[in-house]
């Protein structure tokens, strides 16, 4: 009897030690959650009063602005464009100098900056700004110029926007555009839809590409203005968006560049809207995970850490059977269940404390 109790005691101590190891490993990862901005390049003449710290400070500001351009829509970026350096530094978790060099008495610096995600979200929430998850994606993009005066369609290589679309790229764009191959059958099919082109769904063309996201831009041109009807498809959802531009010459290089830049910003903002996080929603979830499967615990920890809608999490209690998680989630219970299910995790939600199956 004594030996049995002794062995049970040893087993219990083992589980406690294992759980504590996981606890410390987990909390380290929680606080390691950050936004990493790399490749920030800054230069300054090497003069008598040269101060390296000033160059690094400029790098911090540039890194913050690049992060904001990735997670905040264009209109809201104006509200925080002049955030002071002291405030920015409070949100920095760490930084690293990737490269520094002197060329012709000019100092060049390449910097990487990690921002604390929680502090960034708190700062934006105080400004009444909802950030977005910075998700890079591919869109099929089909621009069609419709000359209303001539009743003609310009597609593929005869279309200046098609030819120049990928010439104007920026580092902070999340959308990568795939332009369709020049296809005579597609050309003929589109021309046949001229009279109903605003209602046409283009599925016969978009279905040829292994993409579930597409934008068809119908660019109506007349003597007075350019009107653009964008048919934006994301999975099975389709929205139509109208934009108008005055005094645009589609044969002028500067006009074309401005038009393309404005359109790309518009599409970036729409994509950010679809991935927006409502940080004012703070759903508290209590979940317990069996200590019998160390791999399950470790992998669950990894999923929580990489899930952007998880605001924070911690371990509140440990016993010989379960580890108890407290999770703050920026969305609904159904959204949490859906995200976890996509990562092959299911829960028993019958009680207040959910059980990871």
Protein backbone atom coordinates (compact mmCIF):
# COMPACT_ATOMS: atom_id res chain seq x y z
CA UNK A 1 0.00 0.00 0.00
CA UNK A 2 2.82 2.36 0.92
CA UNK A 3 4.61 1.67 -2.40
CA UNK A 4 1.42 2.41 -4.34
CA UNK A 5 0.98 5.76 -2.58
CA UNK A 6 4.66 6.54 -3.09
CA UNK A 7 4.45 5.84 -6.84
CA UNK A 8 1.30 7.93 -7.17
CA UNK A 9 3.09 10.77 -5.39
CA UNK A 10 6.05 10.53 -7.78
CA UNK A 11 3.63 10.50 -10.76
CA UNK A 12 1.78 13.57 -9.42
CA UNK A 13 5.09 15.45 -8.95
CA UNK A 14 6.07 14.51 -12.52
CA UNK A 15 2.82 15.98 -13.91
CA UNK A 16 3.22 19.13 -11.87
CA UNK A 17 6.81 19.53 -13.12
CA UNK A 18 5.69 18.88 -16.71
CA UNK A 19 2.83 21.36 -16.40
CA UNK A 20 5.04 24.04 -14.87
CA UNK A 21 7.54 23.57 -17.69
CA UNK A 22 4.76 24.07 -20.20
CA UNK A 23 3.46 27.05 -18.22
CA UNK A 24 6.76 28.90 -18.33
CA UNK A 25 7.25 27.97 -21.98
CA UNK A 26 3.74 29.22 -22.81
CA UNK A 27 3.90 32.53 -21.01
CA UNK A 28 7.18 33.32 -22.71
CA UNK A 29 5.50 32.82 -26.07
CA UNK A 30 2.51 34.91 -25.12
CA UNK A 31 4.63 37.91 -24.38
CA UNK A 32 6.73 37.23 -27.47
CA UNK A 33 3.74 37.96 -29.74
CA UNK A 34 4.76 40.92 -31.86
CA UNK A 35 4.59 42.75 -35.16
CA UNK A 36 7.97 42.46 -36.87
CA UNK A 37 8.99 45.12 -39.38
CA UNK A 38 12.23 44.42 -41.25
CA UNK A 39 14.34 46.09 -43.91
CA UNK A 40 13.98 49.66 -42.63
CA UNK A 41 16.73 51.65 -44.37
CA UNK A 42 17.90 55.03 -43.08
CA UNK A 43 20.87 57.18 -44.11
CA UNK A 44 22.49 60.37 -42.84
CA UNK A 45 25.64 62.34 -43.75
CA UNK A 46 28.53 61.64 -41.38
CA UNK A 47 29.20 65.16 -40.10
CA UNK A 48 30.81 66.69 -37.00
CA UNK A 49 27.65 66.48 -34.89
CA UNK A 50 26.68 63.03 -36.19
CA UNK A 51 24.55 61.09 -33.70
CA UNK A 52 23.86 57.43 -34.41
CA UNK A 53 20.93 57.39 -31.98
CA UNK A 54 19.14 60.00 -34.09
CA UNK A 55 19.42 57.70 -37.11
CA UNK A 56 18.01 54.80 -35.09
CA UNK A 57 15.16 57.02 -33.86
CA UNK A 58 14.31 57.89 -37.47
CA UNK A 59 14.27 54.14 -38.18
CA UNK A 60 11.82 53.61 -35.29
CA UNK A 61 9.46 56.25 -36.72
CA UNK A 62 9.69 54.80 -40.24
CA UNK A 63 9.05 51.27 -38.93
CA UNK A 64 5.98 52.46 -37.02
CA UNK A 65 4.58 54.20 -40.10
CA UNK A 66 5.17 51.07 -42.19
CA UNK A 67 3.37 48.92 -39.61
CA UNK A 68 0.45 51.34 -39.51
CA UNK A 69 0.20 51.30 -43.31
CA UNK A 70 -0.23 47.50 -43.11
CA UNK A 71 -2.89 47.31 -40.39
CA UNK A 72 -4.81 50.62 -40.56
CA UNK A 73 -6.94 51.97 -43.40
CA UNK A 74 -5.85 55.07 -45.29
CA UNK A 75 -8.30 57.47 -43.63
CA UNK A 76 -7.39 56.41 -40.09
CA UNK A 77 -3.66 56.59 -40.83
CA UNK A 78 -4.01 60.40 -40.90
CA UNK A 79 -5.05 60.38 -37.22
CA UNK A 80 -1.78 58.82 -36.04
CA UNK A 81 0.71 59.91 -38.68
CA UNK A 82 2.26 62.41 -36.24
CA UNK A 83 2.61 60.00 -33.29
CA UNK A 84 5.55 61.26 -31.23
CA UNK A 85 8.75 59.25 -30.87
CA UNK A 86 8.34 58.78 -27.12
CA UNK A 87 4.97 57.08 -27.69
CA UNK A 88 6.42 54.90 -30.45
CA UNK A 89 9.31 53.76 -28.24
CA UNK A 90 6.85 52.63 -25.55
CA UNK A 91 5.37 50.17 -28.07
CA UNK A 92 8.72 48.71 -29.21
CA UNK A 93 9.61 45.30 -27.84
CA UNK A 94 13.06 44.97 -29.41
CA UNK A 95 15.13 46.05 -32.38
CA UNK A 96 18.16 44.81 -34.26
CA UNK A 97 20.68 46.41 -36.57
CA UNK A 98 20.89 44.16 -39.62
CA UNK A 99 23.58 46.17 -41.41
CA UNK A 100 25.45 49.44 -41.11
CA UNK A 101 28.03 50.93 -43.46
CA UNK A 102 29.75 54.16 -44.51
CA UNK A 103 29.87 55.10 -48.19
CA UNK A 104 31.20 58.50 -49.33
CA UNK A 105 30.84 59.93 -45.81
CA UNK A 106 27.21 58.82 -45.55
CA UNK A 107 26.08 56.42 -42.82
CA UNK A 108 23.62 53.73 -43.93
CA UNK A 109 21.55 51.68 -41.48
CA UNK A 110 19.30 48.65 -42.03
CA UNK A 111 17.01 48.10 -39.06
CA UNK A 112 14.51 45.51 -37.84
CA UNK A 113 11.92 46.53 -35.23
CA UNK A 114 9.50 44.37 -33.21
CA UNK A 115 6.40 46.08 -31.84
CA UNK A 116 4.38 44.70 -28.94
CA UNK A 117 1.07 43.71 -30.51
CA UNK A 118 -0.96 44.28 -27.36
CA UNK A 119 0.45 47.79 -26.87
CA UNK A 120 -0.18 48.64 -30.54
CA UNK A 121 -3.80 47.47 -30.26
CA UNK A 122 -4.31 49.40 -27.01
CA UNK A 123 -2.90 52.57 -28.57
CA UNK A 124 -5.14 52.27 -31.65
CA UNK A 125 -8.19 51.54 -29.50
CA UNK A 126 -7.60 54.79 -27.56
CA UNK A 127 -7.65 56.59 -30.91
CA UNK A 128 -10.91 54.81 -31.79
CA UNK A 129 -9.19 52.92 -34.62
CA UNK A 130 -9.84 49.25 -35.33
CA UNK A 131 -6.75 47.54 -36.80
CA UNK A 132 -6.70 44.72 -39.33
CA UNK A 133 -4.88 41.43 -39.49
CA UNK A 134 -2.07 41.97 -42.05
CA UNK A 135 -2.89 39.09 -44.39
CA UNK A 136 -1.06 38.88 -47.71
CA UNK A 137 -3.20 37.50 -50.54
CA UNK A 138 -3.49 36.98 -54.30
CA UNK A 139 -6.27 38.48 -56.43
CA UNK A 140 -7.02 37.84 -60.07
CA UNK A 141 -7.32 41.32 -61.58
CA UNK A 142 -9.15 41.98 -64.86
CA UNK A 143 -9.27 45.64 -65.99
CA UNK A 144 -11.56 46.44 -68.91
CA UNK A 145 -11.66 49.92 -70.45
CA UNK A 146 -15.05 50.73 -71.96
CA UNK A 147 -14.95 53.64 -74.38
CA UNK A 148 -18.53 54.93 -74.21
CA UNK A 149 -18.01 57.32 -77.14
CA UNK A 150 -16.81 54.60 -79.50
CA UNK A 151 -18.77 51.76 -77.84
CA UNK A 152 -15.61 49.69 -77.74
CA UNK A 153 -13.80 47.51 -75.18
CA UNK A 154 -10.04 47.63 -74.55
CA UNK A 155 -8.72 44.44 -72.98
CA UNK A 156 -5.32 42.86 -72.38
CA UNK A 157 -2.33 44.39 -74.19
CA UNK A 158 -4.45 47.10 -75.85
CA UNK A 159 -5.35 48.31 -72.36
CA UNK A 160 -2.86 50.75 -70.77
CA UNK A 161 -4.00 49.87 -67.23
CA UNK A 162 -3.49 46.16 -67.91
CA UNK A 163 0.02 46.86 -69.24
CA UNK A 164 1.08 49.17 -66.38
CA UNK A 165 -0.78 47.70 -63.40
CA UNK A 166 2.15 45.86 -61.82
CA UNK A 167 4.68 48.62 -62.56
CA UNK A 168 3.62 50.60 -59.50
CA UNK A 169 4.23 48.50 -56.40
CA UNK A 170 4.81 49.48 -52.77
CA UNK A 171 6.44 47.53 -49.98
CA UNK A 172 3.38 47.82 -47.75
CA UNK A 173 0.84 46.40 -50.22
CA UNK A 174 -0.87 43.23 -48.97
CA UNK A 175 -2.48 42.30 -52.30
CA UNK A 176 -0.52 40.62 -55.06
CA UNK A 177 -2.32 40.91 -58.40
CA UNK A 178 -2.42 38.11 -60.97
CA UNK A 179 -3.29 39.42 -64.43
CA UNK A 180 -5.08 37.05 -66.83
CA UNK A 181 -3.27 35.63 -69.83
CA UNK A 182 -4.20 37.14 -73.19
CA UNK A 183 -6.88 34.83 -74.54
CA UNK A 184 -8.81 35.40 -77.78
CA UNK A 185 -11.77 33.31 -76.55
CA UNK A 186 -12.03 35.45 -73.41
CA UNK A 187 -11.76 38.60 -75.50
CA UNK A 188 -14.57 37.46 -77.76
CA UNK A 189 -16.70 36.38 -74.79
CA UNK A 190 -16.32 39.75 -73.02
CA UNK A 191 -17.11 41.72 -76.18
CA UNK A 192 -20.35 39.76 -76.56
CA UNK A 193 -21.40 40.98 -73.10
CA UNK A 194 -21.03 44.68 -73.96
CA UNK A 195 -24.72 45.56 -73.51
CA UNK A 196 -25.02 43.75 -70.15
CA UNK A 197 -21.45 44.01 -68.95
CA UNK A 198 -22.35 45.62 -65.60
CA UNK A 199 -24.51 42.60 -64.75
CA UNK A 200 -22.21 39.92 -66.17
CA UNK A 201 -20.59 37.71 -63.45
CA UNK A 202 -17.36 36.82 -65.38
CA UNK A 203 -17.33 33.33 -63.79
CA UNK A 204 -16.65 31.71 -67.15
CA UNK A 205 -13.31 33.55 -67.16
CA UNK A 206 -12.36 33.67 -63.46
CA UNK A 207 -13.05 29.93 -62.99
CA UNK A 208 -10.06 29.15 -65.26
CA UNK A 209 -7.71 30.39 -62.54
CA UNK A 210 -7.00 28.61 -59.27
CA UNK A 211 -8.00 31.66 -57.23
CA UNK A 212 -11.08 32.29 -55.09
CA UNK A 213 -10.50 36.06 -55.02
CA UNK A 214 -10.86 38.36 -57.99
CA UNK A 215 -11.46 41.96 -59.01
CA UNK A 216 -13.01 42.89 -62.33
CA UNK A 217 -12.61 46.65 -62.90
CA UNK A 218 -14.99 48.06 -65.51
CA UNK A 219 -13.46 51.41 -66.49
CA UNK A 220 -16.07 53.54 -68.26
CA UNK A 221 -14.45 56.38 -70.20
CA UNK A 222 -16.12 59.38 -71.79
CA UNK A 223 -15.21 63.02 -72.50
CA UNK A 224 -16.01 64.24 -68.97
CA UNK A 225 -14.84 61.58 -66.53
CA UNK A 226 -13.73 58.03 -65.82
CA UNK A 227 -16.12 55.88 -63.79
CA UNK A 228 -14.86 52.59 -62.39
CA UNK A 229 -17.21 49.81 -61.30
CA UNK A 230 -15.23 47.21 -59.34
CA UNK A 231 -16.68 43.74 -58.98
CA UNK A 232 -14.82 42.33 -55.95
CA UNK A 233 -15.22 38.60 -55.27
CA UNK A 234 -13.87 36.97 -52.12
CA UNK A 235 -14.78 33.28 -51.88
CA UNK A 236 -18.55 33.27 -52.52
CA UNK A 237 -19.16 36.91 -51.59
CA UNK A 238 -19.42 39.57 -54.30
CA UNK A 239 -19.61 43.34 -53.76
CA UNK A 240 -19.82 46.17 -56.28
CA UNK A 241 -18.02 49.46 -55.65
CA UNK A 242 -18.20 52.65 -57.75
CA UNK A 243 -15.48 55.31 -58.07
CA UNK A 244 -15.34 58.41 -60.27
CA UNK A 245 -12.34 60.42 -61.46
CA UNK A 246 -12.46 63.76 -63.25
CA UNK A 247 -9.87 65.08 -65.70
CA UNK A 248 -8.18 61.73 -66.26
CA UNK A 249 -6.44 61.03 -69.54
CA UNK A 250 -5.94 57.27 -69.95
CA UNK A 251 -3.11 57.91 -72.40
CA UNK A 252 -1.14 60.15 -70.04
CA UNK A 253 1.61 58.40 -68.01
CA UNK A 254 1.18 60.54 -64.87
CA UNK A 255 -2.59 60.19 -64.96
CA UNK A 256 -2.34 56.42 -65.37
CA UNK A 257 0.11 56.14 -62.45
CA UNK A 258 -2.18 58.19 -60.19
CA UNK A 259 -5.24 56.21 -61.21
CA UNK A 260 -3.53 52.87 -60.58
CA UNK A 261 -2.15 54.06 -57.21
CA UNK A 262 -5.58 55.32 -56.09
CA UNK A 263 -7.25 52.09 -57.14
CA UNK A 264 -4.69 49.95 -55.34
CA UNK A 265 -5.13 51.98 -52.14
CA UNK A 266 -8.91 51.55 -52.46
CA UNK A 267 -8.58 47.76 -52.85
CA UNK A 268 -6.06 47.57 -49.97
CA UNK A 269 -8.51 49.41 -47.70
CA UNK A 270 -11.32 47.06 -48.65
CA UNK A 271 -9.12 44.03 -47.91
CA UNK A 272 -8.19 45.54 -44.53
CA UNK A 273 -11.88 46.08 -43.81
CA UNK A 274 -12.54 42.37 -44.40
CA UNK A 275 -9.77 41.47 -41.93
CA UNK A 276 -10.59 44.09 -39.30
CA UNK A 277 -10.29 43.26 -35.60
CA UNK A 278 -12.81 44.81 -33.24
CA UNK A 279 -10.53 45.27 -30.22
CA UNK A 280 -13.45 46.68 -28.20
CA UNK A 281 -14.84 43.10 -28.08
CA UNK A 282 -13.02 41.24 -25.32
CA UNK A 283 -14.58 37.82 -24.94
CA UNK A 284 -13.25 35.90 -21.92
CA UNK A 285 -12.98 32.15 -22.46
CA UNK A 286 -12.02 29.48 -19.92
CA UNK A 287 -10.65 26.26 -21.39
CA UNK A 288 -9.10 23.21 -19.78
CA UNK A 289 -6.70 20.85 -21.53
CA UNK A 290 -5.81 17.37 -20.34
CA UNK A 291 -2.23 16.93 -19.10
CA UNK A 292 -2.14 13.41 -20.58
CA UNK A 293 -1.04 14.62 -24.04
CA UNK A 294 2.03 16.85 -23.99
CA UNK A 295 1.99 17.34 -27.79
CA UNK A 296 -1.63 18.51 -27.74
CA UNK A 297 -0.79 21.11 -25.08
CA UNK A 298 2.28 22.34 -26.95
CA UNK A 299 0.45 22.58 -30.29
CA UNK A 300 -2.58 24.28 -28.72
CA UNK A 301 -0.20 26.84 -27.26
CA UNK A 302 1.27 27.45 -30.72
CA UNK A 303 -2.18 27.93 -32.29
CA UNK A 304 -3.18 30.46 -29.62
CA UNK A 305 0.07 32.32 -30.15
CA UNK A 306 -0.35 32.64 -33.92
CA UNK A 307 -4.08 33.53 -33.85
CA UNK A 308 -4.35 37.28 -34.35
CA UNK A 309 -7.78 37.54 -32.75
CA UNK A 310 -6.39 36.14 -29.49
CA UNK A 311 -5.68 39.34 -27.57
CA UNK A 312 -3.90 37.55 -24.71
CA UNK A 313 -3.95 34.29 -22.80
CA UNK A 314 -2.53 32.84 -19.60
CA UNK A 315 -2.64 29.70 -17.46
CA UNK A 316 -4.73 30.24 -14.34
CA UNK A 317 -4.45 26.83 -12.68
CA UNK A 318 -2.77 23.45 -12.96
CA UNK A 319 -3.74 20.16 -11.35
CA UNK A 320 -2.84 16.52 -12.01
CA UNK A 321 -5.54 16.18 -14.70
CA UNK A 322 -5.84 19.55 -16.46
CA UNK A 323 -4.17 22.82 -17.39
CA UNK A 324 -6.64 25.73 -17.23
CA UNK A 325 -6.35 28.53 -19.82
CA UNK A 326 -7.87 32.01 -19.62
CA UNK A 327 -8.18 33.52 -23.10
CA UNK A 328 -9.24 37.01 -24.18
CA UNK A 329 -10.60 36.89 -27.74
CA UNK A 330 -11.51 39.84 -30.01
CA UNK A 331 -14.59 38.27 -31.57
CA UNK A 332 -17.52 35.93 -30.92
CA UNK A 333 -17.46 32.39 -29.42
CA UNK A 334 -18.51 30.97 -32.82
CA UNK A 335 -15.54 32.71 -34.49
CA UNK A 336 -13.15 31.18 -31.93
CA UNK A 337 -14.67 27.72 -32.45
CA UNK A 338 -14.41 28.10 -36.25
CA UNK A 339 -10.75 29.19 -36.14
CA UNK A 340 -9.83 26.37 -33.78
CA UNK A 341 -11.72 23.83 -35.88
CA UNK A 342 -9.65 24.93 -38.90
CA UNK A 343 -6.61 24.02 -36.79
CA UNK A 344 -8.11 20.58 -35.94
CA UNK A 345 -9.18 21.51 -32.41
CA UNK A 346 -12.71 20.82 -31.12
CA UNK A 347 -14.29 21.61 -27.77
CA UNK A 348 -16.93 20.34 -25.41
CA UNK A 349 -18.80 23.60 -24.73
CA UNK A 350 -21.54 22.20 -22.45
CA UNK A 351 -20.16 23.85 -19.32
CA UNK A 352 -18.76 27.27 -18.41
CA UNK A 353 -15.24 25.86 -18.68
CA UNK A 354 -14.81 24.36 -22.15
CA UNK A 355 -12.85 21.13 -22.55
CA UNK A 356 -10.42 20.62 -25.42
CA UNK A 357 -11.32 17.23 -26.91
